[in-house]
PDB file of N, CA and C in Angstrom:
ATOM      1  N   MET A   1     102.429  98.361 117.735  1.00  0.00           N
ATOM      2  CA  MET A   1     102.523  99.847 117.196  1.00  0.00           C
ATOM      3  C   MET A   1     100.753  99.832 117.531  1.00  0.00           C
ATOM      4  N   ARG A   2     100.798 100.979 118.253  1.00  0.00           N
ATOM      5  CA  ARG A   2      99.841 101.592 118.761  1.00  0.00           C
ATOM      6  C   ARG A   2      99.109 102.421 118.004  1.00  0.00           C
ATOM      7  N   VAL A   3      97.542 102.622 117.913  1.00  0.00           N
ATOM      8  CA  VAL A   3      96.767 103.597 117.539  1.00  0.00           C
ATOM      9  C   VAL A   3      97.229 105.562 117.592  1.00  0.00           C
ATOM     10  N   GLY A   4      97.973 105.472 116.235  1.00  0.00           N
ATOM     11  CA  GLY A   4      98.165 107.054 116.327  1.00  0.00           C
ATOM     12  C   GLY A   4      99.888 107.219 116.372  1.00  0.00           C
ATOM     13  N   GLU A   5     100.189 105.839 116.553  1.00  0.00           N
ATOM     14  CA  GLU A   5     101.921 106.059 116.716  1.00  0.00           C
ATOM     15  C   GLU A   5     102.558 105.792 115.473  1.00  0.00           C
ATOM     16  N   ASP A   6     103.321 106.465 114.953  1.00  0.00           N
ATOM     17  CA  ASP A   6     104.296 106.999 113.743  1.00  0.00           C
ATOM     18  C   ASP A   6     102.829 106.464 112.490  1.00  0.00           C
ATOM     19  N   LEU A   7     103.103 107.214 112.192  1.00  0.00           N
ATOM     20  CA  LEU A   7     101.700 106.919 111.034  1.00  0.00           C
ATOM     21  C   LEU A   7     101.997 106.804 109.529  1.00  0.00           C
ATOM     22  N   THR A   8     103.525 107.234 109.768  1.00  0.00           N
ATOM     23  CA  THR A   8     104.558 107.499 108.672  1.00  0.00           C
ATOM     24  C   THR A   8     104.560 105.370 108.412  1.00  0.00           C
ATOM     25  N   ALA A   9     105.425 105.040 109.226  1.00  0.00           N
ATOM     26  CA  ALA A   9     105.577 103.625 109.089  1.00  0.00           C
ATOM     27  C   ALA A   9     104.590 102.939 108.968  1.00  0.00           C
ATOM     28  N   LYS A  10     103.493 103.022 109.536  1.00  0.00           N
ATOM     29  CA  LYS A  10     102.097 102.500 109.125  1.00  0.00           C
ATOM     30  C   LYS A  10     101.925 102.568 108.166  1.00  0.00           C
ATOM     31  N   ALA A  11     101.559 103.596 107.604  1.00  0.00           N
ATOM     32  CA  ALA A  11     101.236 104.002 106.449  1.00  0.00           C
ATOM     33  C   ALA A  11     102.383 103.452 105.418  1.00  0.00           C
ATOM     34  N   LEU A  12     103.647 103.084 105.117  1.00  0.00           N
ATOM     35  CA  LEU A  12     104.385 102.078 104.434  1.00  0.00           C
ATOM     36  C   LEU A  12     104.337 100.840 104.580  1.00  0.00           C
ATOM     37  N   LEU A  13     103.839 100.661 106.155  1.00  0.00           N
ATOM     38  CA  LEU A  13     103.566  98.358 105.784  1.00  0.00           C
ATOM     39  C   LEU A  13     102.362  98.773 105.290  1.00  0.00           C
ATOM     40  N   ALA A  14     101.313  99.157 104.902  1.00  0.00           N
ATOM     41  CA  ALA A  14     100.509  99.282 104.216  1.00  0.00           C
ATOM     42  C   ALA A  14     100.481  98.907 102.367  1.00  0.00           C
ATOM     43  N   LEU A  15     101.938 100.091 102.433  1.00  0.00           N
ATOM     44  CA  LEU A  15     102.383  99.586 100.940  1.00  0.00           C
ATOM     45  C   LEU A  15     102.789  98.885 100.580  1.00  0.00           C
ATOM     46  N   GLU A  16     103.473  98.285 102.088  1.00  0.00           N
ATOM     47  CA  GLU A  16     104.653  97.338 101.368  1.00  0.00           C
ATOM     48  C   GLU A  16     103.490  95.931 101.148  1.00  0.00           C
ATOM     49  N   GLU A  17     102.136  95.678 102.072  1.00  0.00           N
ATOM     50  CA  GLU A  17     101.372  94.497 102.005  1.00  0.00           C
ATOM     51  C   GLU A  17     100.937  94.730 100.184  1.00  0.00           C
ATOM     52  N   ALA A  18     100.435  95.428 100.038  1.00  0.00           N
ATOM     53  CA  ALA A  18      99.939  96.048  98.870  1.00  0.00           C
ATOM     54  C   ALA A  18     101.280  95.248  97.580  1.00  0.00           C
ATOM     55  N   LEU A  19     101.937  95.899  98.105  1.00  0.00           N
ATOM     56  CA  LEU A  19     102.888  95.637  96.709  1.00  0.00           C
ATOM     57  C   LEU A  19     103.510  94.260  97.127  1.00  0.00           C
ATOM     58  N   HIS A  20     103.658  93.252  97.972  1.00  0.00           N
ATOM     59  CA  HIS A  20     103.185  91.883  98.089  1.00  0.00           C
ATOM     60  C   HIS A  20     102.390  91.493  97.628  1.00  0.00           C
ATOM     61  N   GLU A  21     101.091  91.456  97.840  1.00  0.00           N
ATOM     62  CA  GLU A  21     100.096  90.955  96.791  1.00  0.00           C
ATOM     63  C   GLU A  21     100.052  91.246  95.630  1.00  0.00           C
ATOM     64  N   CYS A  22     101.136  91.810  94.995  1.00  0.00           N
ATOM     65  CA  CYS A  22     100.484  92.485  93.642  1.00  0.00           C
ATOM     66  C   CYS A  22     101.272  91.349  92.891  1.00  0.00           C
ATOM     67  N   ARG A  23     102.288  91.039  93.853  1.00  0.00           N
ATOM     68  CA  ARG A  23     103.463  89.410  93.210  1.00  0.00           C
ATOM     69  C   ARG A  23     102.493  88.639  92.370  1.00  0.00           C
ATOM     70  N   TYR A  24     101.270  88.368  93.036  1.00  0.00           N
ATOM     71  CA  TYR A  24     100.307  87.003  92.723  1.00  0.00           C
ATOM     72  C   TYR A  24      98.823  87.465  92.267  1.00  0.00           C
ATOM     73  N   GLN A  25      98.227  88.725  92.243  1.00  0.00           N
ATOM     74  CA  GLN A  25      97.311  89.368  91.708  1.00  0.00           C
ATOM     75  C   GLN A  25      96.707  90.820  91.693  1.00  0.00           C
ATOM     76  N   GLN A  26      96.108  91.380  90.993  1.00  0.00           N
ATOM     77  CA  GLN A  26      95.787  92.551  91.288  1.00  0.00           C
ATOM     78  C   GLN A  26      95.345  92.880  92.389  1.00  0.00           C
ATOM     79  N   VAL A  27      96.038  94.059  92.635  1.00  0.00           N
ATOM     80  CA  VAL A  27      95.406  95.006  94.339  1.00  0.00           C
ATOM     81  C   VAL A  27      94.227  95.298  94.154  1.00  0.00           C
ATOM     82  N   TYR A  28      93.136  94.934  95.277  1.00  0.00           N
ATOM     83  CA  TYR A  28      92.300  95.881  95.482  1.00  0.00           C
ATOM     84  C   TYR A  28      92.425  97.297  95.713  1.00  0.00           C
ATOM     85  N   ARG A  29      91.923  98.307  94.823  1.00  0.00           N
ATOM     86  CA  ARG A  29      92.560  99.651  95.702  1.00  0.00           C
ATOM     87  C   ARG A  29      91.595 100.368  96.351  1.00  0.00           C
ATOM     88  N   SER A  30      91.713  99.973  97.751  1.00  0.00           N
ATOM     89  CA  SER A  30      90.525 100.128  98.453  1.00  0.00           C
ATOM     90  C   SER A  30      90.853 101.746  99.425  1.00  0.00           C
ATOM     91  N   ARG A  31      89.948 102.535  99.846  1.00  0.00           N
ATOM     92  CA  ARG A  31      90.281 103.664 100.084  1.00  0.00           C
ATOM     93  C   ARG A  31      91.278 103.890 101.537  1.00  0.00           C
ATOM     94  N   ALA A  32      91.157 102.887 102.199  1.00  0.00           N
ATOM     95  CA  ALA A  32      92.071 102.729 103.069  1.00  0.00           C
ATOM     96  C   ALA A  32      93.634 102.827 102.431  1.00  0.00           C
ATOM     97  N   LEU A  33      94.214 101.564 101.318  1.00  0.00           N
ATOM     98  CA  LEU A  33      95.696 101.918 100.697  1.00  0.00           C
ATOM     99  C   LEU A  33      95.720 103.514 100.124  1.00  0.00           C
ATOM    100  N   ALA A  34      94.564 104.088  99.547  1.00  0.00           N
ATOM    101  CA  ALA A  34      94.220 105.756  99.167  1.00  0.00           C
ATOM    102  C   ALA A  34      94.841 106.484 100.376  1.00  0.00           C
ATOM    103  N   MET A  35      94.184 105.782 101.545  1.00  0.00           N
ATOM    104  CA  MET A  35      94.534 107.350 102.303  1.00  0.00           C
ATOM    105  C   MET A  35      95.917 106.809 102.645  1.00  0.00           C
ATOM    106  N   ALA A  36      96.538 105.497 102.947  1.00  0.00           N
ATOM    107  CA  ALA A  36      98.067 105.419 103.083  1.00  0.00           C
ATOM    108  C   ALA A  36      98.625 106.360 102.111  1.00  0.00           C
ATOM    109  N   LEU A  37      98.610 105.868 101.345  1.00  0.00           N
ATOM    110  CA  LEU A  37      99.470 107.011  99.831  1.00  0.00           C
ATOM    111  C   LEU A  37      98.759 108.499 100.031  1.00  0.00           C
ATOM    112  N   ALA A  38      97.792 108.940 100.135  1.00  0.00           N
ATOM    113  CA  ALA A  38      97.427 110.617 100.701  1.00  0.00           C
ATOM    114  C   ALA A  38      98.288 111.068 101.585  1.00  0.00           C
ATOM    115  N   TYR A  39      98.205 109.982 103.011  1.00  0.00           N
ATOM    116  CA  TYR A  39      99.039 110.547 103.681  1.00  0.00           C
ATOM    117  C   TYR A  39     100.872 110.462 103.650  1.00  0.00           C
ATOM    118  N   LEU A  40     100.828 109.926 103.040  1.00  0.00           N
ATOM    119  CA  LEU A  40     102.920 110.058 102.670  1.00  0.00           C
ATOM    120  C   LEU A  40     102.963 111.246 101.995  1.00  0.00           C
ATOM    121  N   TRP A  41     101.950 111.490 100.773  1.00  0.00           N
ATOM    122  CA  TRP A  41     101.945 112.546  99.975  1.00  0.00           C
ATOM    123  C   TRP A  41     101.658 113.739 100.708  1.00  0.00           C
ATOM    124  N   SER A  42     100.881 114.321 101.852  1.00  0.00           N
ATOM    125  CA  SER A  42     100.845 114.490 102.370  1.00  0.00           C
ATOM    126  C   SER A  42     102.133 115.606 102.803  1.00  0.00           C
ATOM    127  N   LEU A  43     103.041 115.049 102.970  1.00  0.00           N
ATOM    128  CA  LEU A  43     104.063 114.982 103.825  1.00  0.00           C
ATOM    129  C   LEU A  43     105.027 115.923 102.991  1.00  0.00           C
ATOM    130  N   LYS A  44     104.726 115.778 101.578  1.00  0.00           N
ATOM    131  CA  LYS A  44     104.875 117.086 100.872  1.00  0.00           C
ATOM    132  C   LYS A  44     106.509 116.865 100.197  1.00  0.00           C
ATOM    133  N   ARG A  45     106.829 115.628 100.343  1.00  0.00           N
ATOM    134  CA  ARG A  45     107.951 115.119  99.952  1.00  0.00           C
ATOM    135  C   ARG A  45     108.306 114.244  98.707  1.00  0.00           C
ATOM    136  N   GLY A  46     109.011 114.508  97.452  1.00  0.00           N
ATOM    137  CA  GLY A  46     109.068 113.502  96.262  1.00  0.00           C
ATOM    138  C   GLY A  46     107.938 113.595  95.429  1.00  0.00           C
ATOM    139  N   ASP A  47     108.368 113.174  94.157  1.00  0.00           N
ATOM    140  CA  ASP A  47     107.485 113.130  93.247  1.00  0.00           C
ATOM    141  C   ASP A  47     106.138 112.430  93.118  1.00  0.00           C
ATOM    142  N   ALA A  48     104.779 113.231  92.750  1.00  0.00           N
ATOM    143  CA  ALA A  48     103.546 113.145  92.693  1.00  0.00           C
ATOM    144  C   ALA A  48     103.561 111.543  91.797  1.00  0.00           C
ATOM    145  N   ARG A  49     104.659 111.334  90.747  1.00  0.00           N
ATOM    146  CA  ARG A  49     104.512 110.375  89.695  1.00  0.00           C
ATOM    147  C   ARG A  49     104.677 109.365  90.408  1.00  0.00           C
ATOM    148  N   ASP A  50     105.445 109.173  91.589  1.00  0.00           N
ATOM    149  CA  ASP A  50     105.901 107.986  92.027  1.00  0.00           C
ATOM    150  C   ASP A  50     104.527 107.514  92.791  1.00  0.00           C
ATOM    151  N   PHE A  51     103.803 108.486  93.420  1.00  0.00           N
ATOM    152  CA  PHE A  51     102.452 107.905  94.205  1.00  0.00           C
ATOM    153  C   PHE A  51     101.436 106.882  92.957  1.00  0.00           C
ATOM    154  N   ARG A  52     101.613 108.165  92.251  1.00  0.00           N
ATOM    155  CA  ARG A  52     100.425 107.603  91.096  1.00  0.00           C
ATOM    156  C   ARG A  52     100.938 106.524  90.717  1.00  0.00           C
ATOM    157  N   MET A  53     102.098 105.827  90.237  1.00  0.00           N
ATOM    158  CA  MET A  53     102.472 104.883  89.507  1.00  0.00           C
ATOM    159  C   MET A  53     102.257 103.914  90.346  1.00  0.00           C
ATOM    160  N   PHE A  54     102.538 103.917  92.064  1.00  0.00           N
ATOM    161  CA  PHE A  54     102.796 102.589  92.622  1.00  0.00           C
ATOM    162  C   PHE A  54     100.777 102.632  92.723  1.00  0.00           C
ATOM    163  N   TRP A  55      99.972 103.478  92.609  1.00  0.00           N
ATOM    164  CA  TRP A  55      98.531 103.224  92.753  1.00  0.00           C
ATOM    165  C   TRP A  55      98.106 102.742  91.405  1.00  0.00           C
ATOM    166  N   ARG A  56      98.644 102.760  90.247  1.00  0.00           N
ATOM    167  CA  ARG A  56      98.366 102.621  89.080  1.00  0.00           C
ATOM    168  C   ARG A  56      98.710 101.021  88.968  1.00  0.00           C
ATOM    169  N   GLU A  57      99.870 100.884  89.365  1.00  0.00           N
ATOM    170  CA  GLU A  57     100.468  99.667  88.927  1.00  0.00           C
ATOM    171  C   GLU A  57     100.476  98.275  89.886  1.00  0.00           C
ATOM    172  N   VAL A  58     100.162  98.692  90.934  1.00  0.00           N
ATOM    173  CA  VAL A  58      99.469  97.510  91.917  1.00  0.00           C
ATOM    174  C   VAL A  58      98.153  96.702  91.280  1.00  0.00           C
ATOM    175  N   ALA A  59      97.724  97.410  90.521  1.00  0.00           N
ATOM    176  CA  ALA A  59      96.282  96.754  90.444  1.00  0.00           C
ATOM    177  C   ALA A  59      96.363  96.747  88.334  1.00  0.00           C
ATOM    178  N   SER A  60      97.899  96.690  88.481  1.00  0.00           N
ATOM    179  CA  SER A  60      97.877  96.436  86.764  1.00  0.00           C
ATOM    180  C   SER A  60      97.287  95.420  86.502  1.00  0.00           C
ATOM    181  N   ASP A  61      96.915  95.013  85.047  1.00  0.00           N
ATOM    182  CA  ASP A  61      96.701  93.667  84.457  1.00  0.00           C
ATOM    183  C   ASP A  61      97.863  92.959  83.930  1.00  0.00           C
ATOM    184  N   ASN A  62      99.198  93.861  83.986  1.00  0.00           N
ATOM    185  CA  ASN A  62     100.133  92.832  83.358  1.00  0.00           C
ATOM    186  C   ASN A  62     101.211  92.341  84.349  1.00  0.00           C
ATOM    187  N   PRO A  63     100.974  90.989  84.710  1.00  0.00           N
ATOM    188  CA  PRO A  63     101.542  90.584  85.777  1.00  0.00           C
ATOM    189  C   PRO A  63     103.109  90.068  86.044  1.00  0.00           C
ATOM    190  N   VAL A  64     103.418  90.389  84.214  1.00  0.00           N
ATOM    191  CA  VAL A  64     105.247  90.567  84.294  1.00  0.00           C
ATOM    192  C   VAL A  64     105.804  92.030  85.121  1.00  0.00           C
ATOM    193  N   LEU A  65     105.331  92.506  84.781  1.00  0.00           N
ATOM    194  CA  LEU A  65     105.685  94.408  84.905  1.00  0.00           C
ATOM    195  C   LEU A  65     105.140  94.912  86.305  1.00  0.00           C
ATOM    196  N   ARG A  66     103.843  94.360  86.325  1.00  0.00           N
ATOM    197  CA  ARG A  66     103.322  94.725  87.779  1.00  0.00           C
ATOM    198  C   ARG A  66     104.056  95.177  89.186  1.00  0.00           C
ATOM    199  N   PHE A  67     104.363  94.269  89.479  1.00  0.00           N
ATOM    200  CA  PHE A  67     105.582  94.184  90.718  1.00  0.00           C
ATOM    201  C   PHE A  67     107.050  94.715  90.431  1.00  0.00           C
ATOM    202  N   GLY A  68     107.493  94.911  89.468  1.00  0.00           N
ATOM    203  CA  GLY A  68     108.931  95.482  89.876  1.00  0.00           C
ATOM    204  C   GLY A  68     108.512  97.112  89.416  1.00  0.00           C
ATOM    205  N   ALA A  69     107.578  97.477  88.485  1.00  0.00           N
ATOM    206  CA  ALA A  69     107.071  99.151  88.886  1.00  0.00           C
ATOM    207  C   ALA A  69     106.943  99.778  90.194  1.00  0.00           C
ATOM    208  N   ALA A  70     106.026  98.269  90.522  1.00  0.00           N
ATOM    209  CA  ALA A  70     105.239  99.246  92.004  1.00  0.00           C
ATOM    210  C   ALA A  70     106.710  99.246  93.046  1.00  0.00           C
ATOM    211  N   ASP A  71     107.641  98.206  92.729  1.00  0.00           N
ATOM    212  CA  ASP A  71     108.786  98.034  94.122  1.00  0.00           C
ATOM    213  C   ASP A  71     109.591  99.479  93.491  1.00  0.00           C
ATOM    214  N   GLN A  72     109.936  99.498  92.337  1.00  0.00           N
ATOM    215  CA  GLN A  72     110.201 100.824  92.076  1.00  0.00           C
ATOM    216  C   GLN A  72     109.878 102.151  92.589  1.00  0.00           C
ATOM    217  N   ALA A  73     108.474 102.202  92.448  1.00  0.00           N
ATOM    218  CA  ALA A  73     107.951 103.125  93.069  1.00  0.00           C
ATOM    219  C   ALA A  73     107.894 102.905  94.550  1.00  0.00           C
ATOM    220  N   LEU A  74     107.779 102.286  95.174  1.00  0.00           N
ATOM    221  CA  LEU A  74     107.742 101.961  96.746  1.00  0.00           C
ATOM    222  C   LEU A  74     109.285 102.435  97.099  1.00  0.00           C
ATOM    223  N   GLU A  75     110.255 101.907  96.550  1.00  0.00           N
ATOM    224  CA  GLU A  75     111.245 102.531  96.988  1.00  0.00           C
ATOM    225  C   GLU A  75     111.569 104.067  96.984  1.00  0.00           C
ATOM    226  N   ARG A  76     111.291 104.517  95.920  1.00  0.00           N
ATOM    227  CA  ARG A  76     111.041 106.382  95.995  1.00  0.00           C
ATOM    228  C   ARG A  76     109.868 106.887  97.230  1.00  0.00           C
ATOM    229  N   ILE A  77     109.251 106.238  97.068  1.00  0.00           N
ATOM    230  CA  ILE A  77     108.106 106.622  98.345  1.00  0.00           C
ATOM    231  C   ILE A  77     108.849 106.786  99.603  1.00  0.00           C
ATOM    232  N   TYR A  78     109.643 105.636 100.085  1.00  0.00           N
ATOM    233  CA  TYR A  78     110.759 105.705 101.281  1.00  0.00           C
ATOM    234  C   TYR A  78     111.369 106.521 101.292  1.00  0.00           C
ATOM    235  N   ALA A  79     112.143 106.884  99.972  1.00  0.00           N
ATOM    236  CA  ALA A  79     113.166 108.151  99.739  1.00  0.00           C
ATOM    237  C   ALA A  79     112.067 109.133 100.223  1.00  0.00           C
ATOM    238  N   ALA A  80     111.207 109.382  99.837  1.00  0.00           N
ATOM    239  CA  ALA A  80     110.773 110.757 100.065  1.00  0.00           C
ATOM    240  C   ALA A  80     109.947 110.910 101.574  1.00  0.00           C
ATOM    241  N   ALA A  81     109.688 110.173 101.932  1.00  0.00           N
ATOM    242  CA  ALA A  81     109.400 110.084 103.570  1.00  0.00           C
ATOM    243  C   ALA A  81     110.438 109.834 104.240  1.00  0.00           C
ATOM    244  N   GLY A  82     111.528 110.124 104.323  1.00  0.00           N
ATOM    245  CA  GLY A  82     112.902 109.832 104.617  1.00  0.00           C
ATOM    246  C   GLY A  82     113.421 108.860 105.634  1.00  0.00           C
ATOM    247  N   ARG A  83     112.625 107.756 105.039  1.00  0.00           N
ATOM    248  CA  ARG A  83     112.711 106.392 105.089  1.00  0.00           C
ATOM    249  C   ARG A  83     113.451 105.527 104.923  1.00  0.00           C
ATOM    250  N   LYS A  84     114.030 104.561 105.436  1.00  0.00           N
ATOM    251  CA  LYS A  84     114.958 103.454 104.864  1.00  0.00           C
ATOM    252  C   LYS A  84     114.384 102.326 104.693  1.00  0.00           C
ATOM    253  N   ARG A  85     114.514 101.749 103.538  1.00  0.00           N
ATOM    254  CA  ARG A  85     113.434 100.115 103.907  1.00  0.00           C
ATOM    255  C   ARG A  85     114.001  99.346 104.448  1.00  0.00           C
ATOM    256  N   ASP A  86     113.239  98.628 105.379  1.00  0.00           N
ATOM    257  CA  ASP A  86     113.878  97.138 106.206  1.00  0.00           C
ATOM    258  C   ASP A  86     113.158  96.130 105.505  1.00  0.00           C
ATOM    259  N   GLN A  87     114.701  95.615 104.353  1.00  0.00           N
ATOM    260  CA  GLN A  87     114.132  94.545 103.751  1.00  0.00           C
ATOM    261  C   GLN A  87     113.744  93.161 104.465  1.00  0.00           C
ATOM    262  N   ASP A  88     114.113  93.170 105.983  1.00  0.00           N
ATOM    263  CA  ASP A  88     113.575  91.945 106.561  1.00  0.00           C
ATOM    264  C   ASP A  88     112.048  92.183 106.822  1.00  0.00           C
ATOM    265  N   ARG A  89     111.659  93.169 107.339  1.00  0.00           N
ATOM    266  CA  ARG A  89     110.390  93.549 107.242  1.00  0.00           C
ATOM    267  C   ARG A  89     109.821  93.399 106.241  1.00  0.00           C
ATOM    268  N   SER A  90     109.996  93.600 105.147  1.00  0.00           N
ATOM    269  CA  SER A  90     109.609  93.476 103.719  1.00  0.00           C
ATOM    270  C   SER A  90     109.483  91.805 103.794  1.00  0.00           C
ATOM    271  N   HIS A  91     110.560  90.923 103.947  1.00  0.00           N
ATOM    272  CA  HIS A  91     110.176  89.927 103.674  1.00  0.00           C
ATOM    273  C   HIS A  91     108.967  89.105 104.971  1.00  0.00           C
ATOM    274  N   VAL A  92     109.289  89.607 105.806  1.00  0.00           N
ATOM    275  CA  VAL A  92     107.825  89.266 106.800  1.00  0.00           C
ATOM    276  C   VAL A  92     106.504  89.042 106.513  1.00  0.00           C
ATOM    277  N   ILE A  93     106.527  90.467 105.793  1.00  0.00           N
ATOM    278  CA  ILE A  93     105.475  90.889 104.970  1.00  0.00           C
ATOM    279  C   ILE A  93     104.691  89.924 103.905  1.00  0.00           C
ATOM    280  N   TRP A  94     105.897  89.373 102.912  1.00  0.00           N
ATOM    281  CA  TRP A  94     105.717  88.944 101.860  1.00  0.00           C
ATOM    282  C   TRP A  94     105.306  87.375 102.464  1.00  0.00           C
ATOM    283  N   SER A  95     106.109  86.883 103.506  1.00  0.00           N
ATOM    284  CA  SER A  95     105.182  85.397 103.658  1.00  0.00           C
ATOM    285  C   SER A  95     104.262  85.706 104.617  1.00  0.00           C
ATOM    286  N   GLU A  96     103.440  86.977 105.004  1.00  0.00           N
ATOM    287  CA  GLU A  96     102.122  86.876 105.398  1.00  0.00           C
ATOM    288  C   GLU A  96     101.378  87.006 104.348  1.00  0.00           C
ATOM    289  N   VAL A  97     101.632  87.494 103.319  1.00  0.00           N
ATOM    290  CA  VAL A  97     100.735  87.808 102.362  1.00  0.00           C
ATOM    291  C   VAL A  97     100.748  86.508 101.510  1.00  0.00           C
ATOM    292  N   GLN A  98     101.780  85.693 101.459  1.00  0.00           N
ATOM    293  CA  GLN A  98     101.633  84.434 100.598  1.00  0.00           C
ATOM    294  C   GLN A  98     100.844  83.436 101.410  1.00  0.00           C
ATOM    295  N   ASP A  99     101.229  83.449 102.678  1.00  0.00           N
ATOM    296  CA  ASP A  99     100.263  82.486 103.517  1.00  0.00           C
ATOM    297  C   ASP A  99      98.554  82.547 103.434  1.00  0.00           C
ATOM    298  N   ARG A 100      98.517  84.053 103.472  1.00  0.00           N
ATOM    299  CA  ARG A 100      96.755  84.629 103.222  1.00  0.00           C
ATOM    300  C   ARG A 100      96.519  84.273 102.363  1.00  0.00           C
ATOM    301  N   LEU A 101      97.217  84.145 100.755  1.00  0.00           N
ATOM    302  CA  LEU A 101      96.622  83.838  99.778  1.00  0.00           C
ATOM    303  C   LEU A 101      96.861  82.625  99.309  1.00  0.00           C
ATOM    304  N   ARG A 102      97.399  81.794 100.050  1.00  0.00           N
ATOM    305  CA  ARG A 102      97.669  80.728  99.676  1.00  0.00           C
ATOM    306  C   ARG A 102      96.675  79.734  99.278  1.00  0.00           C
ATOM    307  N   PRO A 103      95.487  79.778  99.469  1.00  0.00           N
ATOM    308  CA  PRO A 103      94.572  78.901  98.928  1.00  0.00           C
ATOM    309  C   PRO A 103      94.407  79.290  97.825  1.00  0.00           C
ATOM    310  N   THR A 104      94.664  80.783  97.268  1.00  0.00           N
ATOM    311  CA  THR A 104      93.966  81.178  95.996  1.00  0.00           C
ATOM    312  C   THR A 104      94.806  80.694  95.099  1.00  0.00           C
ATOM    313  N   LEU A 105      96.270  80.852  95.558  1.00  0.00           N
ATOM    314  CA  LEU A 105      97.582  80.286  94.693  1.00  0.00           C
ATOM    315  C   LEU A 105      97.268  79.465  94.086  1.00  0.00           C
ATOM    316  N   ARG A 106      96.753  78.280  95.471  1.00  0.00           N
ATOM    317  CA  ARG A 106      96.687  76.478  94.615  1.00  0.00           C
ATOM    318  C   ARG A 106      96.039  76.469  94.027  1.00  0.00           C
ATOM    319  N   GLY A 107      94.409  77.672  93.446  1.00  0.00           N
ATOM    320  CA  GLY A 107      93.295  77.406  92.968  1.00  0.00           C
ATOM    321  C   GLY A 107      91.976  77.120  93.655  1.00  0.00           C
ATOM    322  N   GLY A 108      91.939  77.476  94.959  1.00  0.00           N
ATOM    323  CA  GLY A 108      90.929  77.432  95.984  1.00  0.00           C
ATOM    324  C   GLY A 108      90.693  79.007  96.000  1.00  0.00           C
ATOM    325  N   SER A 109      89.846  79.344  97.416  1.00  0.00           N
ATOM    326  CA  SER A 109      89.031  80.703  97.221  1.00  0.00           C
ATOM    327  C   SER A 109      89.575  81.214  99.134  1.00  0.00           C
ATOM    328  N   ALA A 110      89.908  82.149  98.637  1.00  0.00           N
ATOM    329  CA  ALA A 110      90.637  82.716 100.202  1.00  0.00           C
ATOM    330  C   ALA A 110      89.608  84.071 100.417  1.00  0.00           C
ATOM    331  N   SER A 111      89.117  83.743 102.005  1.00  0.00           N
ATOM    332  CA  SER A 111      88.285  84.945 102.045  1.00  0.00           C
ATOM    333  C   SER A 111      89.523  85.829 102.255  1.00  0.00           C
ATOM    334  N   ARG A 112      89.207  87.493 101.878  1.00  0.00           N
ATOM    335  CA  ARG A 112      89.944  88.398 101.789  1.00  0.00           C
ATOM    336  C   ARG A 112      88.619  89.682 102.523  1.00  0.00           C
ATOM    337  N   GLU A 113      89.022  90.323 103.526  1.00  0.00           N
ATOM    338  CA  GLU A 113      88.445  91.480 104.217  1.00  0.00           C
ATOM    339  C   GLU A 113      88.648  92.563 103.239  1.00  0.00           C
ATOM    340  N   ARG A 114      87.691  93.331 102.553  1.00  0.00           N
ATOM    341  CA  ARG A 114      87.919  94.349 101.972  1.00  0.00           C
ATOM    342  C   ARG A 114      87.061  95.623 103.191  1.00  0.00           C
ATOM    343  N   THR A 115      87.942  96.972 102.405  1.00  0.00           N
ATOM    344  CA  THR A 115      87.364  98.359 103.239  1.00  0.00           C
ATOM    345  C   THR A 115      86.855  98.855 102.367  1.00  0.00           C
TER     346      THR A 115
END
C-alpha cells in the first residue's frame, strides 16, 4: 500500500497487529494506535464503547481475558467501518507478531520500536 491509500484498511491492520501482540503481552498504547482508533471512530459509525474497550483491553493486565475481549471489540470495529475481517490476513499478522516477539516469548529480550 502507498501512503494515503485506503487509510481505513491501514488503520484496521494496525489494530490487528495490536490485537495479536496482546495475545502474549500488554500492548504499549502508542500515539499511532490512538490515531488508528481515532481515525476509525471519525467515520462516525459504530458504538464508542467498542473503541474504548479495544483501547482498554489490549493493555489489560489480565492475560486470560485480554485477547478475547479485544478480539470481540475489533470484530465490531470492522463492522462499524463497513469492512469484512480477512481471517487469512489476520493469521499472517499473527505470524509476523510471533516472529517479532519470539525472543521475548522464549525469555530473551526483543527490541521493539515505539512511537
